[in-house]
């Protein structure tokens, strides 16, 4: 098996060019990772400008759906066609999607698409299709540039890129939204959240065109099974969509919530459709030439156990990034800015541990680091599960650092393990599969934890003892679950104020005092509900991490190969 070791002009790839390609592909990955978080702080402005509050969640969901669904397809494409061509296609899709997102709504309603918000949702899907390719191709290209023995060091920086992107994303998104609006007259600030990708991505595109070799796959590679690809996408999209839907409005089972029976059947139908099509995909992959994912890869214990473990790690990871800010805002009463700042130690922990893991993997191996990381993460989530309304903000920061230190090694080392064990013909597939199972785990974890949050809050809010005077005004606590119940104390105060306004001064003062007392009790009950939900979420995360750690213990530790995956003639000295 051979792979081209020359650029388009036939010149051998130097150590300098290899590092230029490496930095460029990391920069492209940074843009894709940044886009997962940068949109969050810009969403309120997008909604205000495009008038689509009921579809705001789809701005993130469409990106996730596209990137997750296409991960395995990119892996097969990389094993079939030139890595360079596939990478360029991913970058072009990402940049094109970014440009279209920035233009959403600028030309009014469009035929077949609709208004500006609908355009934004669709264009985010195009952007996600490119972003998913960048995630997969980063690891695949790194596998071509470096041997397994030296690869860990360079893949460790990938985890650092994700950590930095998660810190900078909300900050950059807020800055561009608030201050970039005046750069070009008539162009709102939030549009620069997408436009900023174009010049940076254009530079990456130019470098890859000029410097990256073709990186052709082995001769005789079978073209992708298009029917299998259709079955895979057809199964993943409805299944992932069902998991992403708000379970308060679209419950898992009919009869759990009032007036949601019909919508619950939609959830059930989406899941059943997804499962049936995915089962057909598996059956097709066993017999079709050129399957999107070789089913025989699951016979390898490294591939099987590492991907099962990364699934649980991905699921438990969502407990920090999604639900910790909710606890901080609704229980500790900190600002949104402070809640976001609490995730900075988490990201810094990821940056440090991921980088360190890559540097020492040749000496201590990947299995030990993953297991130790899982133990640290289990300890951290257990401590997070004990948090109550009186927990100091500084202590939360310590817990998040521990979470970052625990989960940091997982991303690069799981991928390194499956690449090192894989047949060289399937390096693209095993790499994309590792990313795919992690993302699916994150999707499932977010859905389960979200359902646990909603159910816990509904039961807790239902037990809040609301005075009859408040109930008579149509204020029922459980109806405010979706909004978090933050407005309940103020509604109680307003109710008592309206009652007091009709009474003599002396009695009005007593009524106002009683209203304040009841409002404080309601506020404490809301805090207690969120604290209870958080406790349950982090115990669930602890269980998931423990399962991932148990599976990690059983991953065979194979020596890291000191030769290239392919017979590539590349200089070993890195400048």
Protein backbone atom coordinates (compact mmCIF):
# COMPACT_ATOMS: atom_id res chain seq x y z
CA UNK A 1 0.00 0.00 0.00
CA UNK A 2 1.23 3.43 -0.80
CA UNK A 3 0.21 6.98 -0.48
CA UNK A 4 1.46 9.98 -2.35
CA UNK A 5 4.24 11.70 -0.44
CA UNK A 6 4.49 14.61 -2.84
CA UNK A 7 2.59 17.78 -3.33
CA UNK A 8 0.80 18.63 -6.53
CA UNK A 9 4.07 19.60 -8.16
CA UNK A 10 5.68 16.30 -7.28
CA UNK A 11 7.99 17.74 -4.66
CA UNK A 12 8.64 15.61 -1.54
CA UNK A 13 6.93 16.87 1.60
CA UNK A 14 9.44 18.45 3.96
CA UNK A 15 9.25 18.56 7.72
CA UNK A 16 8.50 22.27 7.43
CA UNK A 17 5.55 21.68 5.09
CA UNK A 18 4.27 18.96 7.34
CA UNK A 19 4.13 21.37 10.25
CA UNK A 20 2.49 24.04 8.11
CA UNK A 21 -0.21 21.54 7.11
CA UNK A 22 -0.61 20.51 10.74
CA UNK A 23 -1.07 24.08 11.98
CA UNK A 24 -3.47 24.84 9.12
CA UNK A 25 -5.67 21.84 9.80
CA UNK A 26 -5.75 22.75 13.51
CA UNK A 27 -6.81 26.28 12.58
CA UNK A 28 -9.64 24.87 10.46
CA UNK A 29 -10.65 22.64 13.36
CA UNK A 30 -10.59 25.66 15.67
CA UNK A 31 -13.10 27.45 13.43
CA UNK A 32 -15.42 24.43 13.39
CA UNK A 33 -15.16 23.97 17.18
CA UNK A 34 -15.63 27.71 17.74
CA UNK A 35 -18.88 27.63 15.79
CA UNK A 36 -20.38 25.18 18.26
CA UNK A 37 -20.22 27.79 21.04
CA UNK A 38 -19.87 31.20 19.39
CA UNK A 39 -23.52 31.26 18.31
CA UNK A 40 -24.90 31.00 21.87
CA UNK A 41 -24.23 34.61 22.87
CA UNK A 42 -25.36 35.93 19.48
CA UNK A 43 -28.70 34.07 19.44
CA UNK A 44 -30.74 36.76 21.23
CA UNK A 45 -29.72 39.32 18.58
CA UNK A 46 -30.43 36.84 15.79
CA UNK A 47 -33.90 36.20 17.18
CA UNK A 48 -34.61 39.90 17.58
CA UNK A 49 -33.51 40.67 14.03
CA UNK A 50 -35.03 37.66 12.26
CA UNK A 51 -38.14 37.27 14.44
CA UNK A 52 -38.06 33.52 14.96
CA UNK A 53 -38.00 32.83 18.69
CA UNK A 54 -39.90 29.54 18.32
CA UNK A 55 -37.08 28.18 16.13
CA UNK A 56 -34.08 29.46 18.08
CA UNK A 57 -33.01 25.97 19.26
CA UNK A 58 -32.85 24.77 15.66
CA UNK A 59 -29.94 27.11 14.97
CA UNK A 60 -27.76 24.82 17.10
CA UNK A 61 -29.67 21.60 16.40
CA UNK A 62 -29.32 21.81 12.61
CA UNK A 63 -25.54 22.19 12.93
CA UNK A 64 -25.37 19.21 15.29
CA UNK A 65 -27.60 17.04 13.11
CA UNK A 66 -25.54 17.63 9.98
CA UNK A 67 -22.12 17.24 11.60
CA UNK A 68 -23.11 14.05 13.46
CA UNK A 69 -24.90 12.40 10.55
CA UNK A 70 -22.05 12.93 8.08
CA UNK A 71 -19.13 11.92 10.33
CA UNK A 72 -19.03 8.30 9.14
CA UNK A 73 -19.54 9.31 5.51
CA UNK A 74 -16.44 11.51 5.65
CA UNK A 75 -14.44 8.60 7.04
CA UNK A 76 -15.40 6.38 4.10
CA UNK A 77 -14.71 9.18 1.62
CA UNK A 78 -11.24 9.63 3.13
CA UNK A 79 -10.55 5.92 2.67
CA UNK A 80 -11.67 6.09 -0.96
CA UNK A 81 -10.53 9.41 -2.38
CA UNK A 82 -7.69 11.86 -1.88
CA UNK A 83 -7.57 13.18 1.68
CA UNK A 84 -6.72 16.58 0.23
CA UNK A 85 -9.82 16.68 -1.96
CA UNK A 86 -12.11 15.57 0.88
CA UNK A 87 -10.59 18.15 3.24
CA UNK A 88 -10.98 20.92 0.67
CA UNK A 89 -14.62 19.96 0.12
CA UNK A 90 -15.27 20.14 3.87
CA UNK A 91 -13.63 23.56 4.11
CA UNK A 92 -15.58 24.89 1.11
CA UNK A 93 -18.86 23.61 2.60
CA UNK A 94 -18.04 25.21 5.94
CA UNK A 95 -17.05 28.56 4.44
CA UNK A 96 -20.02 28.57 2.06
CA UNK A 97 -22.38 27.76 4.93
CA UNK A 98 -20.78 30.51 7.04
CA UNK A 99 -21.26 33.08 4.29
CA UNK A 100 -24.87 32.02 3.75
CA UNK A 101 -25.58 32.18 7.50
CA UNK A 102 -24.30 35.75 7.54
CA UNK A 103 -26.62 36.62 4.64
CA UNK A 104 -29.72 34.98 6.17
CA UNK A 105 -32.73 37.28 5.85
CA UNK A 106 -30.87 39.97 3.91
CA UNK A 107 -32.97 39.39 0.81
CA UNK A 108 -36.32 38.82 2.47
CA UNK A 109 -38.28 35.59 2.11
CA UNK A 110 -36.78 33.10 -0.33
CA UNK A 111 -38.74 30.57 -2.42
CA UNK A 112 -38.96 27.08 -0.87
CA UNK A 113 -36.93 28.22 2.17
CA UNK A 114 -39.00 30.93 3.78
CA UNK A 115 -38.09 33.75 6.12
CA UNK A 116 -34.72 34.74 7.55
CA UNK A 117 -34.88 32.38 10.55
CA UNK A 118 -35.70 29.40 8.32
CA UNK A 119 -32.80 30.39 6.08
CA UNK A 120 -30.47 30.54 9.06
CA UNK A 121 -31.50 27.07 10.23
CA UNK A 122 -30.92 25.59 6.76
CA UNK A 123 -27.61 27.36 6.24
CA UNK A 124 -26.39 26.26 9.68
CA UNK A 125 -27.01 22.70 8.48
CA UNK A 126 -24.75 23.35 5.47
CA UNK A 127 -22.15 24.83 7.79
CA UNK A 128 -22.44 21.77 10.06
CA UNK A 129 -21.95 19.46 7.08
CA UNK A 130 -18.60 21.13 6.51
CA UNK A 131 -17.75 21.39 10.21
CA UNK A 132 -18.34 17.66 10.73
CA UNK A 133 -15.90 16.97 7.91
CA UNK A 134 -13.28 19.21 9.48
CA UNK A 135 -13.54 17.31 12.77
CA UNK A 136 -13.02 13.96 11.08
CA UNK A 137 -10.41 15.06 8.55
CA UNK A 138 -8.24 16.72 11.20
CA UNK A 139 -7.56 13.40 12.90
CA UNK A 140 -7.26 11.56 9.59
CA UNK A 141 -4.74 14.01 8.13
CA UNK A 142 -2.72 13.96 11.36
CA UNK A 143 -2.66 10.17 11.04
CA UNK A 144 -1.10 10.54 7.60
CA UNK A 145 1.43 13.15 8.69
CA UNK A 146 2.77 11.42 11.81
CA UNK A 147 3.46 7.86 12.93
CA UNK A 148 1.40 6.44 15.83
CA UNK A 149 4.40 6.77 18.15
CA UNK A 150 4.68 10.52 17.53
CA UNK A 151 1.01 11.08 16.77
CA UNK A 152 -0.16 11.23 20.37
CA UNK A 153 1.91 14.36 20.95
CA UNK A 154 0.23 16.13 18.06
CA UNK A 155 -3.27 14.82 18.67
CA UNK A 156 -3.01 16.06 22.26
CA UNK A 157 -3.10 19.60 20.91
CA UNK A 158 -6.44 18.80 19.27
CA UNK A 159 -8.02 18.53 22.73
CA UNK A 160 -6.37 21.84 23.61
CA UNK A 161 -7.93 23.44 20.52
CA UNK A 162 -11.39 22.30 21.63
CA UNK A 163 -10.80 23.63 25.13
CA UNK A 164 -9.63 27.03 23.88
CA UNK A 165 -12.53 27.24 21.42
CA UNK A 166 -15.05 26.54 24.17
CA UNK A 167 -13.60 29.41 26.23
CA UNK A 168 -13.27 31.92 23.41
CA UNK A 169 -16.51 31.05 21.59
CA UNK A 170 -19.01 32.80 23.89
CA UNK A 171 -16.57 35.70 24.45
CA UNK A 172 -15.92 36.34 20.75
CA UNK A 173 -19.60 35.88 19.94
CA UNK A 174 -20.56 38.51 22.50
CA UNK A 175 -17.89 40.97 21.39
CA UNK A 176 -18.78 40.68 17.70
CA UNK A 177 -22.49 40.96 18.38
CA UNK A 178 -22.11 44.02 20.59
CA UNK A 179 -19.33 45.92 18.82
CA UNK A 180 -19.01 44.78 15.18
CA UNK A 181 -22.30 46.23 14.00
CA UNK A 182 -20.73 49.50 12.89
CA UNK A 183 -17.94 48.04 10.78
CA UNK A 184 -20.10 48.05 7.65
CA UNK A 185 -23.23 50.22 7.62
CA UNK A 186 -26.42 48.17 7.70
CA UNK A 187 -24.68 44.90 8.70
CA UNK A 188 -25.75 43.73 12.17
CA UNK A 189 -23.11 42.63 14.63
CA UNK A 190 -24.33 39.03 14.90
CA UNK A 191 -23.63 38.45 11.20
CA UNK A 192 -19.90 38.87 11.87
CA UNK A 193 -20.08 35.72 13.99
CA UNK A 194 -20.25 33.92 10.65
CA UNK A 195 -18.38 36.35 8.38
CA UNK A 196 -15.25 36.12 10.56
CA UNK A 197 -14.81 32.51 9.40
CA UNK A 198 -14.37 33.52 5.78
CA UNK A 199 -10.94 35.27 5.80
CA UNK A 200 -9.41 32.84 8.29
CA UNK A 201 -10.87 29.82 6.50
CA UNK A 202 -9.76 31.27 3.16
CA UNK A 203 -6.18 31.37 4.43
CA UNK A 204 -6.44 27.72 5.53
CA UNK A 205 -7.88 26.82 2.13
CA UNK A 206 -4.99 28.51 0.33
CA UNK A 207 -2.36 26.78 2.50
CA UNK A 208 -3.87 23.34 2.00
CA UNK A 209 -4.13 23.85 -1.77
CA UNK A 210 -0.50 24.93 -1.95
CA UNK A 211 1.17 22.73 0.66
CA UNK A 212 -0.81 19.54 1.31
CA UNK A 213 0.02 16.45 -0.75
CA UNK A 214 -2.82 14.50 -2.30
CA UNK A 215 -2.68 11.77 0.36
CA UNK A 216 -4.29 9.18 -1.90
CA UNK A 217 -5.79 6.04 -0.37
CA UNK A 218 -4.47 2.54 -1.12
CA UNK A 219 -5.09 1.33 -4.65
CA UNK A 220 -8.19 -0.76 -5.12
CA UNK A 221 -10.37 1.10 -2.64
CA UNK A 222 -14.06 0.41 -3.31
CA UNK A 223 -16.32 3.42 -3.87
CA UNK A 224 -18.78 4.26 -1.08
CA UNK A 225 -22.07 2.40 -0.93
CA UNK A 226 -24.56 5.14 -1.73
CA UNK A 227 -27.58 3.12 -0.61
CA UNK A 228 -25.88 2.47 2.72
CA UNK A 229 -25.09 6.17 3.06
CA UNK A 230 -28.75 7.03 2.40
CA UNK A 231 -29.90 4.50 5.02
CA UNK A 232 -27.39 5.86 7.54
CA UNK A 233 -28.44 9.49 7.05
CA UNK A 234 -32.11 8.51 6.90
CA UNK A 235 -31.78 6.73 10.25
CA UNK A 236 -29.57 9.19 12.10
CA UNK A 237 -31.52 12.35 11.28
CA UNK A 238 -34.92 11.31 12.77
CA UNK A 239 -33.31 9.49 15.70
CA UNK A 240 -31.07 12.44 16.58
CA UNK A 241 -33.95 14.84 16.04
CA UNK A 242 -36.13 12.86 18.45
CA UNK A 243 -33.42 13.06 21.10
CA UNK A 244 -32.98 16.80 20.60
CA UNK A 245 -36.68 17.70 20.89
CA UNK A 246 -37.81 19.34 24.12
CA UNK A 247 -39.27 16.46 26.13
CA UNK A 248 -41.66 18.76 27.97
CA UNK A 249 -43.41 19.41 24.67
CA UNK A 250 -42.52 16.09 23.01
CA UNK A 251 -42.43 13.49 25.83
CA UNK A 252 -41.02 10.00 25.43
CA UNK A 253 -44.36 8.27 26.03
CA UNK A 254 -48.01 9.34 25.55
CA UNK A 255 -49.98 10.22 28.64
CA UNK A 256 -47.04 11.53 30.68
CA UNK A 257 -48.04 15.14 30.09
CA UNK A 258 -51.39 16.73 29.36
CA UNK A 259 -52.13 17.87 25.84
CA UNK A 260 -48.95 16.29 24.48
CA UNK A 261 -50.20 12.82 23.49
CA UNK A 262 -50.12 13.53 19.76
CA UNK A 263 -46.65 15.08 19.94
CA UNK A 264 -45.35 12.17 21.99
CA UNK A 265 -46.36 9.87 19.15
CA UNK A 266 -44.21 12.03 16.88
CA UNK A 267 -41.24 11.33 19.14
CA UNK A 268 -41.99 7.60 19.11
CA UNK A 269 -42.37 7.53 15.31
CA UNK A 270 -39.09 9.39 14.81
CA UNK A 271 -37.23 6.96 17.07
CA UNK A 272 -38.80 3.88 15.47
CA UNK A 273 -38.09 5.20 11.96
CA UNK A 274 -34.50 5.93 12.90
CA UNK A 275 -33.97 2.51 14.49
CA UNK A 276 -35.47 0.64 11.52
CA UNK A 277 -33.35 2.52 8.99
CA UNK A 278 -30.20 2.09 11.08
CA UNK A 279 -30.90 -1.64 11.36
CA UNK A 280 -31.24 -1.72 7.58
CA UNK A 281 -27.94 0.16 7.33
CA UNK A 282 -26.18 -2.45 9.49
CA UNK A 283 -27.62 -5.29 7.40
CA UNK A 284 -26.64 -3.52 4.19
CA UNK A 285 -23.10 -2.88 5.49
CA UNK A 286 -22.57 -6.60 6.06
CA UNK A 287 -23.12 -7.54 2.42
CA UNK A 288 -22.54 -4.45 0.26
CA UNK A 289 -19.19 -3.66 -1.36
CA UNK A 290 -17.65 -0.42 -0.10
CA UNK A 291 -19.78 -0.05 3.07
CA UNK A 292 -19.76 3.29 4.87
CA UNK A 293 -18.61 1.45 7.99
CA UNK A 294 -17.05 -2.00 7.86
CA UNK A 295 -18.95 -4.13 10.36
CA UNK A 296 -15.96 -6.43 10.76
CA UNK A 297 -14.17 -3.59 12.54
CA UNK A 298 -16.32 -4.39 15.58
CA UNK A 299 -14.54 -7.73 15.85
CA UNK A 300 -11.45 -5.81 17.00
CA UNK A 301 -11.64 -5.44 20.81
CA UNK A 302 -9.76 -2.12 20.73
CA UNK A 303 -12.22 -0.61 18.26
CA UNK A 304 -15.26 -2.07 20.02
CA UNK A 305 -14.36 -1.19 23.61
CA UNK A 306 -12.76 2.19 22.90
CA UNK A 307 -15.84 3.40 21.02
CA UNK A 308 -18.19 2.07 23.68
CA UNK A 309 -16.12 3.88 26.30
CA UNK A 310 -15.98 7.15 24.36
CA UNK A 311 -19.78 6.98 23.99
CA UNK A 312 -20.19 7.17 27.78
CA UNK A 313 -17.50 9.83 28.14
CA UNK A 314 -19.29 11.97 25.55
CA UNK A 315 -22.59 11.50 27.39
CA UNK A 316 -21.22 12.46 30.80
CA UNK A 317 -19.33 15.45 29.40
CA UNK A 318 -22.61 17.22 28.63
CA UNK A 319 -23.40 17.42 32.34
CA UNK A 320 -20.75 20.12 32.72
CA UNK A 321 -21.12 22.20 29.60
CA UNK A 322 -24.94 22.24 29.49
CA UNK A 323 -26.27 21.97 33.03
CA UNK A 324 -23.72 23.58 35.31
CA UNK A 325 -24.58 27.14 34.11
CA UNK A 326 -28.25 26.42 34.89
CA UNK A 327 -27.34 25.52 38.45
CA UNK A 328 -25.18 28.60 38.89
CA UNK A 329 -27.83 31.00 37.61
CA UNK A 330 -30.92 29.43 39.19
CA UNK A 331 -29.48 28.22 42.50
CA UNK A 332 -26.51 30.44 43.31
CA UNK A 333 -28.07 33.45 41.61
CA UNK A 334 -24.95 34.51 39.69
CA UNK A 335 -25.10 36.41 36.42
CA UNK A 336 -24.94 34.74 33.02
CA UNK A 337 -21.44 36.16 32.61
CA UNK A 338 -20.28 34.60 35.88
CA UNK A 339 -21.90 31.30 34.91
CA UNK A 340 -20.00 31.31 31.65
CA UNK A 341 -16.78 32.22 33.44
CA UNK A 342 -17.17 29.14 35.63
CA UNK A 343 -16.57 27.00 32.55
CA UNK A 344 -13.18 28.62 31.90
CA UNK A 345 -11.43 26.45 34.55
CA UNK A 346 -13.08 23.42 32.95
CA UNK A 347 -11.68 24.35 29.54
CA UNK A 348 -8.24 25.12 30.96
CA UNK A 349 -8.22 21.71 32.64
CA UNK A 350 -8.96 20.10 29.26
CA UNK A 351 -6.19 22.09 27.56
CA UNK A 352 -3.61 21.08 30.17
CA UNK A 353 -4.50 17.39 30.50
CA UNK A 354 -5.03 16.79 26.77
CA UNK A 355 -1.66 18.35 25.95
CA UNK A 356 0.10 16.45 28.74
CA UNK A 357 -1.53 13.15 27.74
CA UNK A 358 -0.16 13.45 24.23
CA UNK A 359 3.33 14.22 25.50
CA UNK A 360 3.61 11.21 27.81
CA UNK A 361 1.57 8.57 25.95
CA UNK A 362 4.73 6.91 24.61
CA UNK A 363 5.94 6.31 28.16
CA UNK A 364 2.78 5.38 30.06
CA UNK A 365 0.42 4.24 27.28
CA UNK A 366 -3.15 5.30 26.54
CA UNK A 367 -5.19 2.91 28.70
CA UNK A 368 -3.73 4.01 32.05
CA UNK A 369 -4.29 7.68 31.27
CA UNK A 370 -7.90 7.11 30.20
CA UNK A 371 -8.64 5.08 33.34
CA UNK A 372 -6.99 7.65 35.63
CA UNK A 373 -8.89 10.40 33.82
CA UNK A 374 -12.17 8.58 34.38
CA UNK A 375 -11.41 8.26 38.12
CA UNK A 376 -10.74 12.01 38.34
CA UNK A 377 -13.91 12.77 36.40
CA UNK A 378 -15.95 10.40 38.60
CA UNK A 379 -14.61 12.16 41.70
CA UNK A 380 -15.48 15.55 40.20
CA UNK A 381 -19.05 14.64 39.19
CA UNK A 382 -19.61 13.04 42.61
CA UNK A 383 -18.57 16.30 44.25
CA UNK A 384 -20.81 18.26 41.87
CA UNK A 385 -23.69 15.99 42.88
CA UNK A 386 -23.31 17.14 46.49
CA UNK A 387 -23.71 20.84 45.68
CA UNK A 388 -26.46 22.72 47.40
CA UNK A 389 -27.67 26.33 47.46
CA UNK A 390 -24.89 27.23 49.93
CA UNK A 391 -21.94 25.90 47.89
CA UNK A 392 -19.29 28.63 47.34
CA UNK A 393 -18.75 29.77 43.77
CA UNK A 394 -15.00 29.19 44.16
CA UNK A 395 -15.55 25.56 45.09
CA UNK A 396 -17.56 25.02 41.91
CA UNK A 397 -14.58 26.31 39.92
CA UNK A 398 -12.35 23.71 41.61
CA UNK A 399 -14.79 20.95 40.69
CA UNK A 400 -14.87 22.08 37.05
CA UNK A 401 -11.06 22.06 36.89
CA UNK A 402 -11.16 18.46 38.06
CA UNK A 403 -13.72 17.65 35.36
CA UNK A 404 -11.46 19.14 32.69
CA UNK A 405 -8.40 17.29 33.98
CA UNK A 406 -10.34 14.03 33.92
CA UNK A 407 -11.93 14.26 30.51
CA UNK A 408 -9.04 15.97 28.67
CA UNK A 409 -7.05 12.84 27.76
CA UNK A 410 -10.10 11.02 26.41
CA UNK A 411 -10.54 12.82 23.09
CA UNK A 412 -7.04 12.33 21.63
CA UNK A 413 -6.23 8.98 23.24
CA UNK A 414 -9.38 7.11 22.23
CA UNK A 415 -8.76 8.13 18.64
CA UNK A 416 -5.08 7.22 18.89
CA UNK A 417 -5.95 3.78 20.27
CA UNK A 418 -8.28 2.84 17.41
CA UNK A 419 -5.95 4.28 14.77
CA UNK A 420 -3.00 2.34 16.16
CA UNK A 421 -4.95 -0.93 16.09
CA UNK A 422 -6.65 -0.41 12.73
CA UNK A 423 -5.92 -1.95 9.39
CA UNK A 424 -4.34 0.84 7.35
CA UNK A 425 -7.08 0.52 4.73
CA UNK A 426 -9.70 1.69 7.25
CA UNK A 427 -7.89 4.53 9.02
CA UNK A 428 -10.52 7.03 7.86
CA UNK A 429 -13.42 4.90 9.01
CA UNK A 430 -12.04 4.10 12.46
CA UNK A 431 -11.16 7.75 13.03
CA UNK A 432 -14.58 9.05 12.04
CA UNK A 433 -16.26 6.25 14.01
CA UNK A 434 -14.48 7.39 17.19
CA UNK A 435 -15.76 10.94 16.69
CA UNK A 436 -19.20 9.65 15.71
CA UNK A 437 -19.74 7.56 18.84
CA UNK A 438 -18.54 10.40 21.05
CA UNK A 439 -21.02 12.78 19.42
CA UNK A 440 -23.86 10.28 19.60
CA UNK A 441 -23.05 9.78 23.27
CA UNK A 442 -23.22 13.54 23.81
CA UNK A 443 -26.60 13.69 22.06
CA UNK A 444 -28.03 10.81 24.10
CA UNK A 445 -26.56 12.20 27.32
CA UNK A 446 -28.02 15.65 26.72
CA UNK A 447 -31.44 14.11 26.00
CA UNK A 448 -31.45 11.91 29.12
CA UNK A 449 -30.20 14.66 31.39
CA UNK A 450 -32.63 17.15 29.90
CA UNK A 451 -35.51 14.76 30.52
CA UNK A 452 -34.29 14.17 34.07
CA UNK A 453 -34.11 17.93 34.63
CA UNK A 454 -37.61 18.55 33.28
CA UNK A 455 -39.21 15.67 35.19
CA UNK A 456 -37.54 16.59 38.48
CA UNK A 457 -38.54 20.24 38.18
CA UNK A 458 -42.13 19.37 37.26
CA UNK A 459 -42.54 17.09 40.29
CA UNK A 460 -40.82 19.60 42.59
CA UNK A 461 -42.80 22.57 41.29
CA UNK A 462 -46.04 20.61 41.66
CA UNK A 463 -45.33 20.22 45.37
CA UNK A 464 -44.78 23.96 45.98
CA UNK A 465 -47.47 25.12 48.38
CA UNK A 466 -48.91 28.13 46.56
CA UNK A 467 -51.43 30.27 48.50
CA UNK A 468 -55.02 30.14 47.30
CA UNK A 469 -54.88 33.87 46.54
CA UNK A 470 -52.13 33.22 44.01
CA UNK A 471 -53.77 30.14 42.52
CA UNK A 472 -57.00 32.09 42.04
CA UNK A 473 -55.03 34.47 39.79
CA UNK A 474 -54.19 31.52 37.52
CA UNK A 475 -50.58 31.15 38.69
CA UNK A 476 -49.72 27.43 38.86
CA UNK A 477 -46.08 26.64 39.65
CA UNK A 478 -45.67 23.59 37.40
CA UNK A 479 -46.66 25.66 34.35
CA UNK A 480 -43.41 27.61 34.76
CA UNK A 481 -41.06 24.63 34.50
CA UNK A 482 -40.01 25.46 30.93
CA UNK A 483 -38.90 28.95 31.98
CA UNK A 484 -37.15 27.75 35.12
CA UNK A 485 -39.56 29.37 37.56
CA UNK A 486 -37.43 32.49 38.04
CA UNK A 487 -40.45 34.76 37.63
CA UNK A 488 -42.58 32.93 40.23
CA UNK A 489 -41.46 34.95 43.30
CA UNK A 490 -42.12 38.24 41.52
CA UNK A 491 -45.54 37.04 40.40
CA UNK A 492 -46.35 36.18 44.02
CA UNK A 493 -45.26 39.66 45.14
CA UNK A 494 -47.30 41.29 42.38
CA UNK A 495 -50.36 39.28 43.43
CA UNK A 496 -50.12 40.40 47.05
CA UNK A 497 -49.43 43.98 45.94
CA UNK A 498 -52.66 44.02 43.92
CA UNK A 499 -54.56 42.63 46.90
CA UNK A 500 -53.01 45.16 49.27
CA UNK A 501 -53.94 48.04 46.96
CA UNK A 502 -57.62 47.48 47.79
CA UNK A 503 -57.14 47.41 51.56
CA UNK A 504 -56.58 50.07 54.22
CA UNK A 505 -52.98 51.12 54.85
CA UNK A 506 -52.52 49.14 58.06
CA UNK A 507 -53.85 45.92 56.60
CA UNK A 508 -52.03 46.54 53.32
CA UNK A 509 -48.69 46.58 55.15
CA UNK A 510 -49.44 43.21 56.72
CA UNK A 511 -50.49 41.78 53.36
CA UNK A 512 -47.29 43.07 51.72
CA UNK A 513 -45.20 41.51 54.48
CA UNK A 514 -47.02 38.22 54.03
CA UNK A 515 -46.47 38.42 50.27
CA UNK A 516 -42.75 38.96 50.77
CA UNK A 517 -42.58 35.96 53.10
CA UNK A 518 -44.42 33.72 50.61
CA UNK A 519 -42.28 34.98 47.73
CA UNK A 520 -39.10 34.11 49.64
CA UNK A 521 -40.47 30.63 50.37
CA UNK A 522 -41.29 30.13 46.69
CA UNK A 523 -37.81 31.35 45.68
CA UNK A 524 -36.21 28.88 48.09
CA UNK A 525 -38.42 26.08 46.74
CA UNK A 526 -37.34 26.89 43.17
CA UNK A 527 -33.68 26.84 44.22
CA UNK A 528 -34.19 23.53 46.03
CA UNK A 529 -35.82 22.05 42.91
CA UNK A 530 -32.88 23.02 40.72
CA UNK A 531 -30.42 21.75 43.33
CA UNK A 532 -32.22 18.39 43.43
CA UNK A 533 -32.28 18.16 39.62
CA UNK A 534 -28.57 18.99 39.47
CA UNK A 535 -27.79 16.31 42.05
CA UNK A 536 -29.59 13.68 39.98
CA UNK A 537 -27.93 14.82 36.74
CA UNK A 538 -24.45 14.54 38.21
CA UNK A 539 -25.12 11.15 39.77
CA UNK A 540 -26.22 10.02 36.30
CA UNK A 541 -23.02 11.50 34.86
CA UNK A 542 -21.02 9.63 37.51
CA UNK A 543 -22.64 6.34 36.51
CA UNK A 544 -21.99 7.00 32.81
CA UNK A 545 -18.35 7.87 33.45
CA UNK A 546 -17.93 4.75 35.61
CA UNK A 547 -19.26 2.60 32.76
CA UNK A 548 -16.84 4.31 30.38
CA UNK A 549 -13.96 3.72 32.79
CA UNK A 550 -14.83 0.02 33.22
CA UNK A 551 -14.83 -0.42 29.46
CA UNK A 552 -11.55 1.52 29.19
CA UNK A 553 -9.86 -0.91 31.60
CA UNK A 554 -10.59 -3.69 29.12
CA UNK A 555 -9.11 -1.88 26.08
CA UNK A 556 -6.04 -3.87 24.99
CA UNK A 557 -2.83 -1.84 25.33
CA UNK A 558 -1.00 -2.21 22.01
CA UNK A 559 2.52 -0.79 21.48
CA UNK A 560 2.44 2.38 19.43
CA UNK A 561 3.88 1.73 15.99
CA UNK A 562 7.03 3.63 15.10
CA UNK A 563 6.42 3.38 11.36
CA UNK A 564 3.89 5.23 9.27
CA UNK A 565 0.47 3.75 8.76
CA UNK A 566 1.36 3.62 5.10
CA UNK A 567 4.59 3.25 3.24
CA UNK A 568 5.12 6.97 2.96
CA UNK A 569 8.50 8.47 2.30
CA UNK A 570 8.49 11.54 4.50
CA UNK A 571 11.43 13.05 6.35
CA UNK A 572 11.45 12.11 10.03
CA UNK A 573 13.09 15.33 11.15
CA UNK A 574 10.54 17.96 12.03
CA UNK A 575 11.72 21.48 11.70
